[in-house]
Amino acid sequence: MEETIAGAQDTQTAGHIPQQRGESLLETAVRYAEERHWDVFPGTWLEAVDGRQRCSCGDASCPAPGAHPARPDWATQATGSATVARRMWQKQPTAAILLPTGRTFDALSVPESAGFLALARMERMQLTLGPVTLTPDRRMQFFVLPGATAKVPELVRKLGWSPASLDLMTLGEGAYVAAPPTRFGSRGAAQWARRPTPANRWLPDAEELISPLAYACGRDR
């Protein structure tokens, strides 16, 4: 099984999405489009104001500084072209890297504590996982095949849970995730709990992961 970020050593090899250490946001965004065929779009960025980092949106109390869409029509701006992605980040090299969900993948979002509990259980079950992000606001997003939004509530009910009782959200059409190494102001950067590799290019269906995720969220309440 692949290692998680907890105590993991970097096992990346040539041809894998890199860990982004020392790599620019522009280069990383281009790699996501080129190697993974993900749509990407630039978000806001951080600016120095009176010695402090502020979000380019201008809101001093921005809940996700430097890590949210910069314009309302962001969905039409998203591109899977590495050439177009390079052009967009050349205009604003420090812009967040945002990935729209509901296209090449959906994401199941759970609290960090439940996410790590679920990961441990998935390893014991020898489940095949897609990439998983870990954000500074202590959420984990498990990448799954598109269409999860429509099926997850019923899957949760079949397991004996009320969907409203679990902190398990589905990100589909009209939503997005912040991709590593996008920074959330002074709170830190998004990371990979499970990095994109050739081995996890083919994503699991939500149905394959929902049982351990729902169980972990139920324990985490």
C-alpha atoms as a PDB file:
ATOM      1  CA  MET A   1       0.000   0.000   0.000  1.00  0.00           C
ATOM      2  CA  GLU A   2       1.092   3.597  -0.484  1.00  0.00           C
ATOM      3  CA  GLU A   3       2.257   5.471   2.566  1.00  0.00           C
ATOM      4  CA  THR A   4       0.388   8.398   4.075  1.00  0.00           C
ATOM      5  CA  ILE A   5       2.150  11.628   4.987  1.00  0.00           C
ATOM      6  CA  ALA A   6       2.375  10.512   8.609  1.00  0.00           C
ATOM      7  CA  GLY A   7       5.967   9.304   8.898  1.00  0.00           C
ATOM      8  CA  ALA A   8       6.156   8.660   5.186  1.00  0.00           C
ATOM      9  CA  GLN A   9       9.321   8.801   3.175  1.00  0.00           C
ATOM     10  CA  ASP A  10       9.210  10.368  -0.268  1.00  0.00           C
ATOM     11  CA  THR A  11       8.932   7.457  -2.690  1.00  0.00           C
ATOM     12  CA  GLN A  12       8.334   9.550  -5.796  1.00  0.00           C
ATOM     13  CA  THR A  13      10.008   8.445  -9.001  1.00  0.00           C
ATOM     14  CA  ALA A  14      10.306   9.989 -12.431  1.00  0.00           C
ATOM     15  CA  GLY A  15       6.952  10.459 -14.108  1.00  0.00           C
ATOM     16  CA  HIS A  16       5.049  10.945 -10.845  1.00  0.00           C
ATOM     17  CA  ILE A  17       3.448  14.190  -9.726  1.00  0.00           C
ATOM     18  CA  PRO A  18       6.232  15.626  -7.527  1.00  0.00           C
ATOM     19  CA  GLN A  19       5.954  16.666  -3.910  1.00  0.00           C
ATOM     20  CA  GLN A  20       6.151  20.351  -5.002  1.00  0.00           C
ATOM     21  CA  ARG A  21       9.089  21.063  -2.717  1.00  0.00           C
ATOM     22  CA  GLY A  22      10.842  23.999  -4.358  1.00  0.00           C
ATOM     23  CA  GLU A  23       8.595  23.843  -7.406  1.00  0.00           C
ATOM     24  CA  SER A  24       6.633  26.919  -8.482  1.00  0.00           C
ATOM     25  CA  LEU A  25       2.862  27.068  -8.492  1.00  0.00           C
ATOM     26  CA  LEU A  26       3.011  27.556 -12.253  1.00  0.00           C
ATOM     27  CA  GLU A  27       5.044  24.369 -12.800  1.00  0.00           C
ATOM     28  CA  THR A  28       2.780  22.401 -10.470  1.00  0.00           C
ATOM     29  CA  ALA A  29      -0.432  23.599 -12.134  1.00  0.00           C
ATOM     30  CA  VAL A  30       0.974  22.668 -15.536  1.00  0.00           C
ATOM     31  CA  ARG A  31       1.909  19.210 -14.255  1.00  0.00           C
ATOM     32  CA  TYR A  32      -1.605  18.596 -12.923  1.00  0.00           C
ATOM     33  CA  ALA A  33      -3.053  19.405 -16.348  1.00  0.00           C
ATOM     34  CA  GLU A  34      -0.349  17.642 -18.344  1.00  0.00           C
ATOM     35  CA  GLU A  35       0.261  14.487 -16.294  1.00  0.00           C
ATOM     36  CA  ARG A  36      -3.074  13.967 -14.573  1.00  0.00           C
ATOM     37  CA  HIS A  37      -5.413  15.580 -17.130  1.00  0.00           C
ATOM     38  CA  TRP A  38      -7.142  17.544 -14.372  1.00  0.00           C
ATOM     39  CA  ASP A  39      -8.822  20.855 -15.095  1.00  0.00           C
ATOM     40  CA  VAL A  40      -7.147  23.680 -13.163  1.00  0.00           C
ATOM     41  CA  PHE A  41      -7.847  27.353 -12.620  1.00  0.00           C
ATOM     42  CA  PRO A  42      -6.012  30.121 -10.733  1.00  0.00           C
ATOM     43  CA  GLY A  43      -7.581  31.471  -7.571  1.00  0.00           C
ATOM     44  CA  THR A  44      -6.716  34.354  -5.286  1.00  0.00           C
ATOM     45  CA  TRP A  45      -3.211  34.954  -3.956  1.00  0.00           C
ATOM     46  CA  LEU A  46      -1.528  36.422  -0.898  1.00  0.00           C
ATOM     47  CA  GLU A  47      -0.337  40.031  -0.777  1.00  0.00           C
ATOM     48  CA  ALA A  48       1.774  41.804   1.834  1.00  0.00           C
ATOM     49  CA  VAL A  49      -0.254  44.596   3.473  1.00  0.00           C
ATOM     50  CA  ASP A  50       1.292  46.502   6.398  1.00  0.00           C
ATOM     51  CA  GLY A  51       3.691  43.656   6.992  1.00  0.00           C
ATOM     52  CA  ARG A  52       0.949  41.019   6.994  1.00  0.00           C
ATOM     53  CA  GLN A  53      -0.220  38.602   4.352  1.00  0.00           C
ATOM     54  CA  ARG A  54      -3.714  39.379   3.112  1.00  0.00           C
ATOM     55  CA  CYS A  55      -5.898  37.755   0.508  1.00  0.00           C
ATOM     56  CA  SER A  56      -5.988  39.493  -2.869  1.00  0.00           C
ATOM     57  CA  CYS A  57      -9.808  39.608  -2.573  1.00  0.00           C
ATOM     58  CA  GLY A  58      -9.373  42.517  -0.161  1.00  0.00           C
ATOM     59  CA  ASP A  59     -11.407  41.010   2.690  1.00  0.00           C
ATOM     60  CA  ALA A  60      -9.349  41.347   5.887  1.00  0.00           C
ATOM     61  CA  SER A  61     -11.383  38.519   7.469  1.00  0.00           C
ATOM     62  CA  CYS A  62     -11.302  36.208   4.418  1.00  0.00           C
ATOM     63  CA  PRO A  63     -11.979  32.627   5.644  1.00  0.00           C
ATOM     64  CA  ALA A  64      -9.651  31.084   3.047  1.00  0.00           C
ATOM     65  CA  PRO A  65      -6.996  33.728   2.298  1.00  0.00           C
ATOM     66  CA  GLY A  66      -5.213  33.032  -0.971  1.00  0.00           C
ATOM     67  CA  ALA A  67      -7.148  29.816  -1.564  1.00  0.00           C
ATOM     68  CA  HIS A  68     -10.492  30.546  -3.210  1.00  0.00           C
ATOM     69  CA  PRO A  69     -11.744  31.587  -6.681  1.00  0.00           C
ATOM     70  CA  ALA A  70     -10.791  35.097  -7.750  1.00  0.00           C
ATOM     71  CA  ARG A  71     -13.813  35.622 -10.012  1.00  0.00           C
ATOM     72  CA  PRO A  72     -17.449  34.457 -10.134  1.00  0.00           C
ATOM     73  CA  ASP A  73     -17.096  32.792 -13.540  1.00  0.00           C
ATOM     74  CA  TRP A  74     -14.261  30.528 -12.386  1.00  0.00           C
ATOM     75  CA  ALA A  75     -15.978  27.423 -13.776  1.00  0.00           C
ATOM     76  CA  THR A  76     -15.628  28.723 -17.340  1.00  0.00           C
ATOM     77  CA  GLN A  77     -11.998  29.635 -16.702  1.00  0.00           C
ATOM     78  CA  ALA A  78     -10.928  26.100 -15.730  1.00  0.00           C
ATOM     79  CA  THR A  79      -8.779  24.363 -18.318  1.00  0.00           C
ATOM     80  CA  GLY A  80      -7.235  20.966 -18.914  1.00  0.00           C
ATOM     81  CA  SER A  81      -4.693  22.427 -21.328  1.00  0.00           C
ATOM     82  CA  ALA A  82      -1.153  22.657 -19.981  1.00  0.00           C
ATOM     83  CA  THR A  83      -0.437  25.465 -22.438  1.00  0.00           C
ATOM     84  CA  VAL A  84      -3.402  27.546 -21.279  1.00  0.00           C
ATOM     85  CA  ALA A  85      -2.602  26.798 -17.630  1.00  0.00           C
ATOM     86  CA  ARG A  86       0.957  28.036 -18.129  1.00  0.00           C
ATOM     87  CA  ARG A  87      -0.352  31.252 -19.712  1.00  0.00           C
ATOM     88  CA  MET A  88      -2.784  31.889 -16.822  1.00  0.00           C
ATOM     89  CA  TRP A  89      -0.180  31.402 -14.069  1.00  0.00           C
ATOM     90  CA  GLN A  90       2.341  33.513 -15.945  1.00  0.00           C
ATOM     91  CA  LYS A  91      -0.089  36.415 -15.419  1.00  0.00           C
ATOM     92  CA  GLN A  92      -0.244  35.751 -11.660  1.00  0.00           C
ATOM     93  CA  PRO A  93       2.507  33.298 -10.587  1.00  0.00           C
ATOM     94  CA  THR A  94       1.421  33.144  -6.934  1.00  0.00           C
ATOM     95  CA  ALA A  95      -2.256  32.373  -7.579  1.00  0.00           C
ATOM     96  CA  ALA A  96      -3.799  29.387  -5.796  1.00  0.00           C
ATOM     97  CA  ILE A  97      -4.150  26.146  -7.740  1.00  0.00           C
ATOM     98  CA  LEU A  98      -7.812  25.160  -7.651  1.00  0.00           C
ATOM     99  CA  LEU A  99      -9.321  21.996  -9.151  1.00  0.00           C
ATOM    100  CA  PRO A 100     -13.028  21.971 -10.085  1.00  0.00           C
ATOM    101  CA  THR A 101     -14.892  18.885  -8.912  1.00  0.00           C
ATOM    102  CA  GLY A 102     -17.670  17.174 -10.855  1.00  0.00           C
ATOM    103  CA  ARG A 103     -15.502  16.813 -13.972  1.00  0.00           C
ATOM    104  CA  THR A 104     -12.694  14.257 -13.838  1.00  0.00           C
ATOM    105  CA  PHE A 105     -13.352  13.562 -10.163  1.00  0.00           C
ATOM    106  CA  ASP A 106     -15.609  14.270  -7.194  1.00  0.00           C
ATOM    107  CA  ALA A 107     -14.269  14.498  -3.643  1.00  0.00           C
ATOM    108  CA  LEU A 108     -15.526  13.122  -0.330  1.00  0.00           C
ATOM    109  CA  SER A 109     -14.638  15.632   2.389  1.00  0.00           C
ATOM    110  CA  VAL A 110     -14.331  14.583   6.047  1.00  0.00           C
ATOM    111  CA  PRO A 111     -12.659  15.958   9.192  1.00  0.00           C
ATOM    112  CA  GLU A 112      -8.934  15.211   9.428  1.00  0.00           C
ATOM    113  CA  SER A 113      -9.337  12.938  12.471  1.00  0.00           C
ATOM    114  CA  ALA A 114     -11.966  10.827  10.706  1.00  0.00           C
ATOM    115  CA  GLY A 115      -9.910  10.834   7.513  1.00  0.00           C
ATOM    116  CA  PHE A 116      -6.823   9.309   9.129  1.00  0.00           C
ATOM    117  CA  LEU A 117      -8.975   6.753  10.955  1.00  0.00           C
ATOM    118  CA  ALA A 118     -10.608   5.817   7.637  1.00  0.00           C
ATOM    119  CA  LEU A 119      -7.231   5.605   5.876  1.00  0.00           C
ATOM    120  CA  ALA A 120      -5.973   3.110   8.458  1.00  0.00           C
ATOM    121  CA  ARG A 121      -9.085   1.007   8.011  1.00  0.00           C
ATOM    122  CA  MET A 122      -8.854   1.199   4.205  1.00  0.00           C
ATOM    123  CA  GLU A 123      -5.268  -0.074   4.380  1.00  0.00           C
ATOM    124  CA  ARG A 124      -6.403  -3.076   6.431  1.00  0.00           C
ATOM    125  CA  MET A 125      -9.167  -3.689   3.877  1.00  0.00           C
ATOM    126  CA  GLN A 126      -6.578  -3.316   1.049  1.00  0.00           C
ATOM    127  CA  LEU A 127      -8.801  -0.865  -0.787  1.00  0.00           C
ATOM    128  CA  THR A 128      -7.490   0.936  -3.860  1.00  0.00           C
ATOM    129  CA  LEU A 129      -7.425   4.674  -3.187  1.00  0.00           C
ATOM    130  CA  GLY A 130      -7.162   7.752  -5.337  1.00  0.00           C
ATOM    131  CA  PRO A 131      -5.319  10.905  -4.265  1.00  0.00           C
ATOM    132  CA  VAL A 132      -6.256  12.417  -0.889  1.00  0.00           C
ATOM    133  CA  THR A 133      -5.606  16.022   0.161  1.00  0.00           C
ATOM    134  CA  LEU A 134      -5.161  17.427   3.651  1.00  0.00           C
ATOM    135  CA  THR A 135      -5.976  21.122   4.145  1.00  0.00           C
ATOM    136  CA  PRO A 136      -4.940  23.576   6.893  1.00  0.00           C
ATOM    137  CA  ASP A 137      -8.581  23.794   8.023  1.00  0.00           C
ATOM    138  CA  ARG A 138      -8.216  20.133   9.054  1.00  0.00           C
ATOM    139  CA  ARG A 139     -10.272  18.551   6.289  1.00  0.00           C
ATOM    140  CA  MET A 140      -9.349  15.601   4.079  1.00  0.00           C
ATOM    141  CA  GLN A 141     -10.685  15.140   0.564  1.00  0.00           C
ATOM    142  CA  PHE A 142     -10.758  11.669  -1.002  1.00  0.00           C
ATOM    143  CA  PHE A 143     -10.842  11.801  -4.815  1.00  0.00           C
ATOM    144  CA  VAL A 144     -13.432   9.469  -6.357  1.00  0.00           C
ATOM    145  CA  LEU A 145     -15.152   9.023  -9.707  1.00  0.00           C
ATOM    146  CA  PRO A 146     -17.624  11.745 -10.748  1.00  0.00           C
ATOM    147  CA  GLY A 147     -21.252  11.183  -9.790  1.00  0.00           C
ATOM    148  CA  ALA A 148     -20.677  10.713  -6.061  1.00  0.00           C
ATOM    149  CA  THR A 149     -22.947  13.618  -5.110  1.00  0.00           C
ATOM    150  CA  ALA A 150     -26.038  11.835  -6.404  1.00  0.00           C
ATOM    151  CA  LYS A 151     -25.357   8.467  -4.763  1.00  0.00           C
ATOM    152  CA  VAL A 152     -23.674   9.184  -1.402  1.00  0.00           C
ATOM    153  CA  PRO A 153     -26.804  10.129   0.638  1.00  0.00           C
ATOM    154  CA  GLU A 154     -28.529   6.838  -0.215  1.00  0.00           C
ATOM    155  CA  LEU A 155     -25.322   4.854   0.380  1.00  0.00           C
ATOM    156  CA  VAL A 156     -25.009   6.432   3.834  1.00  0.00           C
ATOM    157  CA  ARG A 157     -28.638   5.623   4.636  1.00  0.00           C
ATOM    158  CA  LYS A 158     -28.121   1.990   3.629  1.00  0.00           C
ATOM    159  CA  LEU A 159     -25.322   1.819   6.204  1.00  0.00           C
ATOM    160  CA  GLY A 160     -27.786   2.918   8.893  1.00  0.00           C
ATOM    161  CA  TRP A 161     -26.756   6.552   9.198  1.00  0.00           C
ATOM    162  CA  SER A 162     -28.674   9.753   8.570  1.00  0.00           C
ATOM    163  CA  PRO A 163     -26.630  11.832   6.070  1.00  0.00           C
ATOM    164  CA  ALA A 164     -27.277  14.944   8.178  1.00  0.00           C
ATOM    165  CA  SER A 165     -25.761  13.256  11.251  1.00  0.00           C
ATOM    166  CA  LEU A 166     -22.304  12.785   9.697  1.00  0.00           C
ATOM    167  CA  ASP A 167     -19.721  15.411   8.819  1.00  0.00           C
ATOM    168  CA  LEU A 168     -19.229  13.824   5.401  1.00  0.00           C
ATOM    169  CA  MET A 169     -19.627  16.188   2.463  1.00  0.00           C
ATOM    170  CA  THR A 170     -19.506  15.484  -1.244  1.00  0.00           C
ATOM    171  CA  LEU A 171     -17.883  17.997  -3.581  1.00  0.00           C
ATOM    172  CA  GLY A 172     -19.248  17.691  -7.099  1.00  0.00           C
ATOM    173  CA  GLU A 173     -20.320  20.001  -9.904  1.00  0.00           C
ATOM    174  CA  GLY A 174     -19.967  23.662  -8.939  1.00  0.00           C
ATOM    175  CA  ALA A 175     -17.398  23.025  -6.200  1.00  0.00           C
ATOM    176  CA  TYR A 176     -13.603  22.812  -6.113  1.00  0.00           C
ATOM    177  CA  VAL A 177     -10.644  21.700  -4.005  1.00  0.00           C
ATOM    178  CA  ALA A 178      -7.434  23.601  -3.311  1.00  0.00           C
ATOM    179  CA  ALA A 179      -4.511  21.579  -4.649  1.00  0.00           C
ATOM    180  CA  PRO A 180      -1.093  21.365  -2.963  1.00  0.00           C
ATOM    181  CA  PRO A 181       0.960  23.458  -2.450  1.00  0.00           C
ATOM    182  CA  THR A 182      -1.696  26.217  -2.287  1.00  0.00           C
ATOM    183  CA  ARG A 183      -1.361  28.216   0.944  1.00  0.00           C
ATOM    184  CA  PHE A 184      -4.248  29.270   3.209  1.00  0.00           C
ATOM    185  CA  GLY A 185      -2.680  32.465   4.505  1.00  0.00           C
ATOM    186  CA  SER A 186      -0.637  31.948   7.678  1.00  0.00           C
ATOM    187  CA  ARG A 187      -2.443  28.662   8.448  1.00  0.00           C
ATOM    188  CA  GLY A 188      -0.212  26.639   6.139  1.00  0.00           C
ATOM    189  CA  ALA A 189      -0.495  24.854   2.818  1.00  0.00           C
ATOM    190  CA  ALA A 190      -2.640  22.071   1.395  1.00  0.00           C
ATOM    191  CA  GLN A 191      -0.734  18.779   1.338  1.00  0.00           C
ATOM    192  CA  TRP A 192      -1.120  15.321  -0.132  1.00  0.00           C
ATOM    193  CA  ALA A 193      -2.105  12.642   2.371  1.00  0.00           C
ATOM    194  CA  ARG A 194      -1.999  10.304  -0.664  1.00  0.00           C
ATOM    195  CA  ARG A 195      -0.030  11.730  -3.575  1.00  0.00           C
ATOM    196  CA  PRO A 196      -1.107  11.334  -7.211  1.00  0.00           C
ATOM    197  CA  THR A 197       0.925   8.503  -8.752  1.00  0.00           C
ATOM    198  CA  PRO A 198       0.555   6.274 -11.814  1.00  0.00           C
ATOM    199  CA  ALA A 199      -0.784   3.583  -9.454  1.00  0.00           C
ATOM    200  CA  ASN A 200      -3.808   5.666  -8.433  1.00  0.00           C
ATOM    201  CA  ARG A 201      -4.609   7.264 -11.784  1.00  0.00           C
ATOM    202  CA  TRP A 202      -7.816   5.190 -11.926  1.00  0.00           C
ATOM    203  CA  LEU A 203     -10.112   6.462  -9.205  1.00  0.00           C
ATOM    204  CA  PRO A 204     -12.356   4.366  -6.970  1.00  0.00           C
ATOM    205  CA  ASP A 205     -16.132   4.733  -6.953  1.00  0.00           C
ATOM    206  CA  ALA A 206     -17.607   6.447  -3.894  1.00  0.00           C
ATOM    207  CA  GLU A 207     -19.376   3.199  -3.045  1.00  0.00           C
ATOM    208  CA  GLU A 208     -16.002   1.515  -2.415  1.00  0.00           C
ATOM    209  CA  LEU A 209     -14.952   4.066   0.233  1.00  0.00           C
ATOM    210  CA  ILE A 210     -18.227   5.095   1.837  1.00  0.00           C
ATOM    211  CA  SER A 211     -18.340   2.368   4.513  1.00  0.00           C
ATOM    212  CA  PRO A 212     -14.974   3.160   6.198  1.00  0.00           C
ATOM    213  CA  LEU A 213     -15.556   6.904   5.786  1.00  0.00           C
ATOM    214  CA  ALA A 214     -19.048   6.800   7.304  1.00  0.00           C
ATOM    215  CA  TYR A 215     -17.804   4.561  10.134  1.00  0.00           C
ATOM    216  CA  ALA A 216     -14.931   6.961  10.889  1.00  0.00           C
ATOM    217  CA  CYS A 217     -17.217  10.017  10.800  1.00  0.00           C
ATOM    218  CA  GLY A 218     -19.641   8.243  13.142  1.00  0.00           C
ATOM    219  CA  ARG A 219     -16.809   7.547  15.590  1.00  0.00           C
ATOM    220  CA  ASP A 220     -15.629  11.157  15.250  1.00  0.00           C
ATOM    221  CA  ARG A 221     -18.952  12.764  16.241  1.00  0.00           C
END
